Amino acid sequence: MSPGLAFGAIIVLIGAQVTRVVAPRHASYPWAFVFAAAGFVAAELFAFATNIGGPPLGALHPFADAVGIAAVEVVGSQLTSPGRSPRVR
């Protein structure tokens, strides 16, 4: 296994766990994992295409990955949050 792939998997797992700790009611863990993986891939593609995203650590850009994961997690958790019914008085 490539060291970059292992490091990327660790970043995705940490991103999913942080989401579950910070906002436990917004998305289930499988959704948090999917959003973390999507954010990681999007951030790496963005950093590779634009050469923006901080200095690379091996083949990865940890700063861009953290920002990408956070952005996708926020949007995803809002889209998958349980519907809140209005209070009836």
N, C-alpha and C. Protein backbone atom coordinates (compact mmCIF):
# COMPACT_ATOMS: atom_id res chain seq x y z
N MET A 1 0.85 -1.18 0.00
CA MET A 1 0.00 0.00 0.00
C MET A 1 0.90 1.24 0.00
N SER A 2 0.50 2.20 -0.77
CA SER A 2 1.25 3.46 -0.85
C SER A 2 1.14 4.23 0.47
N PRO A 3 2.23 4.84 0.93
CA PRO A 3 2.14 5.64 2.16
C PRO A 3 1.17 6.81 2.02
N GLY A 4 1.07 7.38 0.83
CA GLY A 4 0.12 8.47 0.61
C GLY A 4 -1.32 8.01 0.75
N LEU A 5 -1.60 6.81 0.28
CA LEU A 5 -2.95 6.26 0.39
C LEU A 5 -3.31 6.00 1.85
N ALA A 6 -2.35 5.47 2.60
CA ALA A 6 -2.59 5.21 4.03
C ALA A 6 -2.79 6.53 4.78
N PHE A 7 -1.97 7.53 4.48
CA PHE A 7 -2.11 8.83 5.12
C PHE A 7 -3.45 9.48 4.76
N GLY A 8 -3.87 9.34 3.50
CA GLY A 8 -5.17 9.86 3.08
C GLY A 8 -6.31 9.19 3.80
N ALA A 9 -6.22 7.87 4.00
CA ALA A 9 -7.26 7.14 4.73
C ALA A 9 -7.33 7.62 6.18
N ILE A 10 -6.18 7.89 6.78
CA ILE A 10 -6.16 8.39 8.15
C ILE A 10 -6.82 9.77 8.22
N ILE A 11 -6.53 10.64 7.25
CA ILE A 11 -7.13 11.97 7.23
C ILE A 11 -8.65 11.88 7.10
N VAL A 12 -9.13 10.98 6.25
CA VAL A 12 -10.58 10.80 6.07
C VAL A 12 -11.22 10.29 7.36
N LEU A 13 -10.60 9.32 8.00
CA LEU A 13 -11.15 8.79 9.25
C LEU A 13 -11.17 9.85 10.35
N ILE A 14 -10.12 10.64 10.44
CA ILE A 14 -10.10 11.72 11.44
C ILE A 14 -11.18 12.75 11.13
N GLY A 15 -11.35 13.09 9.86
CA GLY A 15 -12.39 14.05 9.48
C GLY A 15 -13.78 13.57 9.83
N ALA A 16 -14.04 12.29 9.61
CA ALA A 16 -15.36 11.73 9.95
C ALA A 16 -15.57 11.71 11.46
N GLN A 17 -14.53 11.37 12.22
CA GLN A 17 -14.65 11.34 13.67
C GLN A 17 -14.86 12.74 14.25
N VAL A 18 -14.14 13.71 13.74
CA VAL A 18 -14.30 15.09 14.22
C VAL A 18 -15.73 15.56 13.98
N THR A 19 -16.28 15.21 12.85
CA THR A 19 -17.67 15.60 12.56
C THR A 19 -18.62 14.97 13.57
N ARG A 20 -18.43 13.72 13.89
CA ARG A 20 -19.32 13.05 14.85
C ARG A 20 -19.18 13.63 16.25
N VAL A 21 -18.00 14.13 16.59
CA VAL A 21 -17.79 14.73 17.91
C VAL A 21 -18.39 16.13 17.96
N VAL A 22 -18.17 16.91 16.91
CA VAL A 22 -18.62 18.30 16.89
C VAL A 22 -20.13 18.41 16.70
N ALA A 23 -20.69 17.63 15.78
CA ALA A 23 -22.12 17.71 15.48
C ALA A 23 -22.71 16.30 15.43
N PRO A 24 -22.93 15.68 16.58
CA PRO A 24 -23.36 14.29 16.56
C PRO A 24 -24.77 14.06 16.03
N ARG A 25 -25.61 15.07 16.04
CA ARG A 25 -27.00 14.86 15.61
C ARG A 25 -27.25 15.16 14.14
N HIS A 26 -26.27 15.71 13.46
CA HIS A 26 -26.53 16.12 12.07
C HIS A 26 -26.50 14.99 11.07
N ALA A 27 -25.48 14.16 11.10
CA ALA A 27 -25.39 13.09 10.10
C ALA A 27 -24.90 11.81 10.78
N SER A 28 -25.34 10.69 10.25
CA SER A 28 -24.87 9.42 10.80
C SER A 28 -23.41 9.20 10.40
N TYR A 29 -22.76 8.25 11.05
CA TYR A 29 -21.34 8.03 10.77
C TYR A 29 -21.08 7.63 9.31
N PRO A 30 -21.89 6.76 8.70
CA PRO A 30 -21.63 6.45 7.29
C PRO A 30 -21.68 7.69 6.40
N TRP A 31 -22.64 8.57 6.65
CA TRP A 31 -22.70 9.81 5.87
C TRP A 31 -21.50 10.69 6.15
N ALA A 32 -21.08 10.78 7.40
CA ALA A 32 -19.89 11.58 7.74
C ALA A 32 -18.66 11.03 7.04
N PHE A 33 -18.55 9.72 6.97
CA PHE A 33 -17.42 9.09 6.28
C PHE A 33 -17.46 9.40 4.78
N VAL A 34 -18.63 9.29 4.18
CA VAL A 34 -18.77 9.58 2.74
C VAL A 34 -18.43 11.04 2.46
N PHE A 35 -18.92 11.95 3.30
CA PHE A 35 -18.62 13.37 3.10
C PHE A 35 -17.15 13.67 3.31
N ALA A 36 -16.52 13.02 4.27
CA ALA A 36 -15.08 13.22 4.49
C ALA A 36 -14.28 12.73 3.29
N ALA A 37 -14.65 11.59 2.75
CA ALA A 37 -13.95 11.07 1.58
C ALA A 37 -14.15 11.97 0.37
N ALA A 38 -15.38 12.46 0.18
CA ALA A 38 -15.64 13.37 -0.94
C ALA A 38 -14.88 14.68 -0.78
N GLY A 39 -14.84 15.21 0.42
CA GLY A 39 -14.08 16.44 0.67
C GLY A 39 -12.60 16.25 0.46
N PHE A 40 -12.08 15.10 0.86
CA PHE A 40 -10.67 14.79 0.66
C PHE A 40 -10.32 14.74 -0.82
N VAL A 41 -11.11 14.02 -1.59
CA VAL A 41 -10.86 13.89 -3.02
C VAL A 41 -10.99 15.24 -3.71
N ALA A 42 -12.03 15.99 -3.38
CA ALA A 42 -12.22 17.30 -4.00
C ALA A 42 -11.07 18.25 -3.66
N ALA A 43 -10.63 18.23 -2.41
CA ALA A 43 -9.54 19.11 -2.00
C ALA A 43 -8.23 18.72 -2.69
N GLU A 44 -7.97 17.44 -2.81
CA GLU A 44 -6.74 17.01 -3.48
C GLU A 44 -6.78 17.38 -4.97
N LEU A 45 -7.91 17.20 -5.61
CA LEU A 45 -8.02 17.60 -7.02
C LEU A 45 -7.84 19.10 -7.18
N PHE A 46 -8.44 19.87 -6.29
CA PHE A 46 -8.30 21.33 -6.33
C PHE A 46 -6.85 21.73 -6.10
N ALA A 47 -6.20 21.16 -5.10
CA ALA A 47 -4.81 21.50 -4.79
C ALA A 47 -3.88 21.09 -5.93
N PHE A 48 -4.15 19.96 -6.54
CA PHE A 48 -3.32 19.50 -7.65
C PHE A 48 -3.50 20.39 -8.89
N ALA A 49 -4.74 20.77 -9.17
CA ALA A 49 -5.03 21.56 -10.37
C ALA A 49 -4.56 23.00 -10.26
N THR A 50 -4.67 23.59 -9.08
CA THR A 50 -4.36 25.01 -8.92
C THR A 50 -3.02 25.27 -8.25
N ASN A 51 -2.41 24.24 -7.70
CA ASN A 51 -1.16 24.38 -6.95
C ASN A 51 -1.33 25.30 -5.74
N ILE A 52 -2.57 25.37 -5.23
CA ILE A 52 -2.88 26.12 -4.01
C ILE A 52 -3.32 25.09 -2.97
N GLY A 53 -2.95 25.29 -1.75
CA GLY A 53 -3.38 24.37 -0.71
C GLY A 53 -2.29 24.06 0.29
N GLY A 54 -1.30 24.90 0.33
CA GLY A 54 -0.22 24.70 1.28
C GLY A 54 0.84 23.77 0.73
N PRO A 55 1.92 23.65 1.45
CA PRO A 55 2.99 22.78 0.97
C PRO A 55 2.58 21.32 1.02
N PRO A 56 2.95 20.56 0.01
CA PRO A 56 2.59 19.14 0.01
C PRO A 56 3.39 18.36 1.04
N LEU A 57 2.75 17.40 1.65
CA LEU A 57 3.41 16.46 2.55
C LEU A 57 3.42 15.14 1.80
N GLY A 58 4.50 14.85 1.15
CA GLY A 58 4.53 13.72 0.23
C GLY A 58 3.71 14.10 -0.98
N ALA A 59 2.71 13.35 -1.28
CA ALA A 59 1.84 13.65 -2.42
C ALA A 59 0.55 14.33 -2.00
N LEU A 60 0.35 14.53 -0.69
CA LEU A 60 -0.91 15.09 -0.20
C LEU A 60 -0.73 16.51 0.29
N HIS A 61 -1.84 17.22 0.38
CA HIS A 61 -1.87 18.60 0.87
C HIS A 61 -2.77 18.65 2.11
N PRO A 62 -2.22 18.45 3.30
CA PRO A 62 -3.06 18.31 4.50
C PRO A 62 -3.91 19.53 4.81
N PHE A 63 -3.41 20.74 4.58
CA PHE A 63 -4.21 21.93 4.87
C PHE A 63 -5.41 22.00 3.94
N ALA A 64 -5.19 21.79 2.66
CA ALA A 64 -6.30 21.80 1.70
C ALA A 64 -7.28 20.68 2.01
N ASP A 65 -6.78 19.52 2.43
CA ASP A 65 -7.66 18.40 2.78
C ASP A 65 -8.55 18.74 3.96
N ALA A 66 -7.98 19.36 4.98
CA ALA A 66 -8.77 19.72 6.16
C ALA A 66 -9.85 20.72 5.80
N VAL A 67 -9.51 21.71 4.98
CA VAL A 67 -10.50 22.71 4.57
C VAL A 67 -11.58 22.08 3.69
N GLY A 68 -11.16 21.22 2.76
CA GLY A 68 -12.13 20.55 1.88
C GLY A 68 -13.07 19.64 2.63
N ILE A 69 -12.53 18.87 3.56
CA ILE A 69 -13.36 17.97 4.36
C ILE A 69 -14.34 18.77 5.20
N ALA A 70 -13.86 19.84 5.83
CA ALA A 70 -14.75 20.67 6.67
C ALA A 70 -15.88 21.27 5.83
N ALA A 71 -15.55 21.78 4.64
CA ALA A 71 -16.58 22.40 3.80
C ALA A 71 -17.63 21.39 3.37
N VAL A 72 -17.20 20.23 2.92
CA VAL A 72 -18.16 19.22 2.46
C VAL A 72 -18.96 18.66 3.65
N GLU A 73 -18.34 18.52 4.80
CA GLU A 73 -19.05 18.03 5.97
C GLU A 73 -20.15 19.01 6.40
N VAL A 74 -19.86 20.29 6.37
CA VAL A 74 -20.87 21.29 6.76
C VAL A 74 -22.06 21.24 5.80
N VAL A 75 -21.77 21.27 4.52
CA VAL A 75 -22.86 21.24 3.53
C VAL A 75 -23.61 19.92 3.61
N GLY A 76 -22.89 18.83 3.70
CA GLY A 76 -23.53 17.52 3.76
C GLY A 76 -24.36 17.31 5.00
N SER A 77 -23.87 17.80 6.12
CA SER A 77 -24.65 17.61 7.35
C SER A 77 -25.93 18.44 7.34
N GLN A 78 -25.89 19.57 6.66
CA GLN A 78 -27.11 20.37 6.53
C GLN A 78 -28.11 19.68 5.60
N LEU A 79 -27.61 19.01 4.58
CA LEU A 79 -28.50 18.33 3.65
C LEU A 79 -29.10 17.06 4.23
N THR A 80 -28.38 16.39 5.12
CA THR A 80 -28.87 15.12 5.66
C THR A 80 -29.38 15.23 7.08
N SER A 81 -29.45 16.44 7.63
CA SER A 81 -29.93 16.57 9.00
C SER A 81 -31.39 16.15 9.07
N PRO A 82 -31.78 15.55 10.17
CA PRO A 82 -33.18 15.12 10.30
C PRO A 82 -34.12 16.31 10.23
N GLY A 83 -35.23 16.12 9.55
CA GLY A 83 -36.20 17.20 9.41
C GLY A 83 -36.76 17.62 10.76
N ARG A 84 -36.81 18.88 10.96
CA ARG A 84 -37.35 19.39 12.21
C ARG A 84 -38.79 19.84 11.98
N SER A 85 -39.67 19.23 12.68
CA SER A 85 -41.06 19.61 12.52
C SER A 85 -41.34 20.85 13.39
N PRO A 86 -42.17 21.73 12.88
CA PRO A 86 -42.47 22.94 13.67
C PRO A 86 -43.24 22.57 14.93
N ARG A 87 -43.02 23.33 15.97
CA ARG A 87 -43.72 23.09 17.23
C ARG A 87 -45.16 23.55 17.12
N VAL A 88 -46.05 22.73 17.60
CA VAL A 88 -47.45 23.08 17.59
C VAL A 88 -47.83 23.48 19.02
N ARG A 89 -48.45 24.62 19.13
CA ARG A 89 -48.82 25.10 20.47
C ARG A 89 -50.25 24.84 20.76
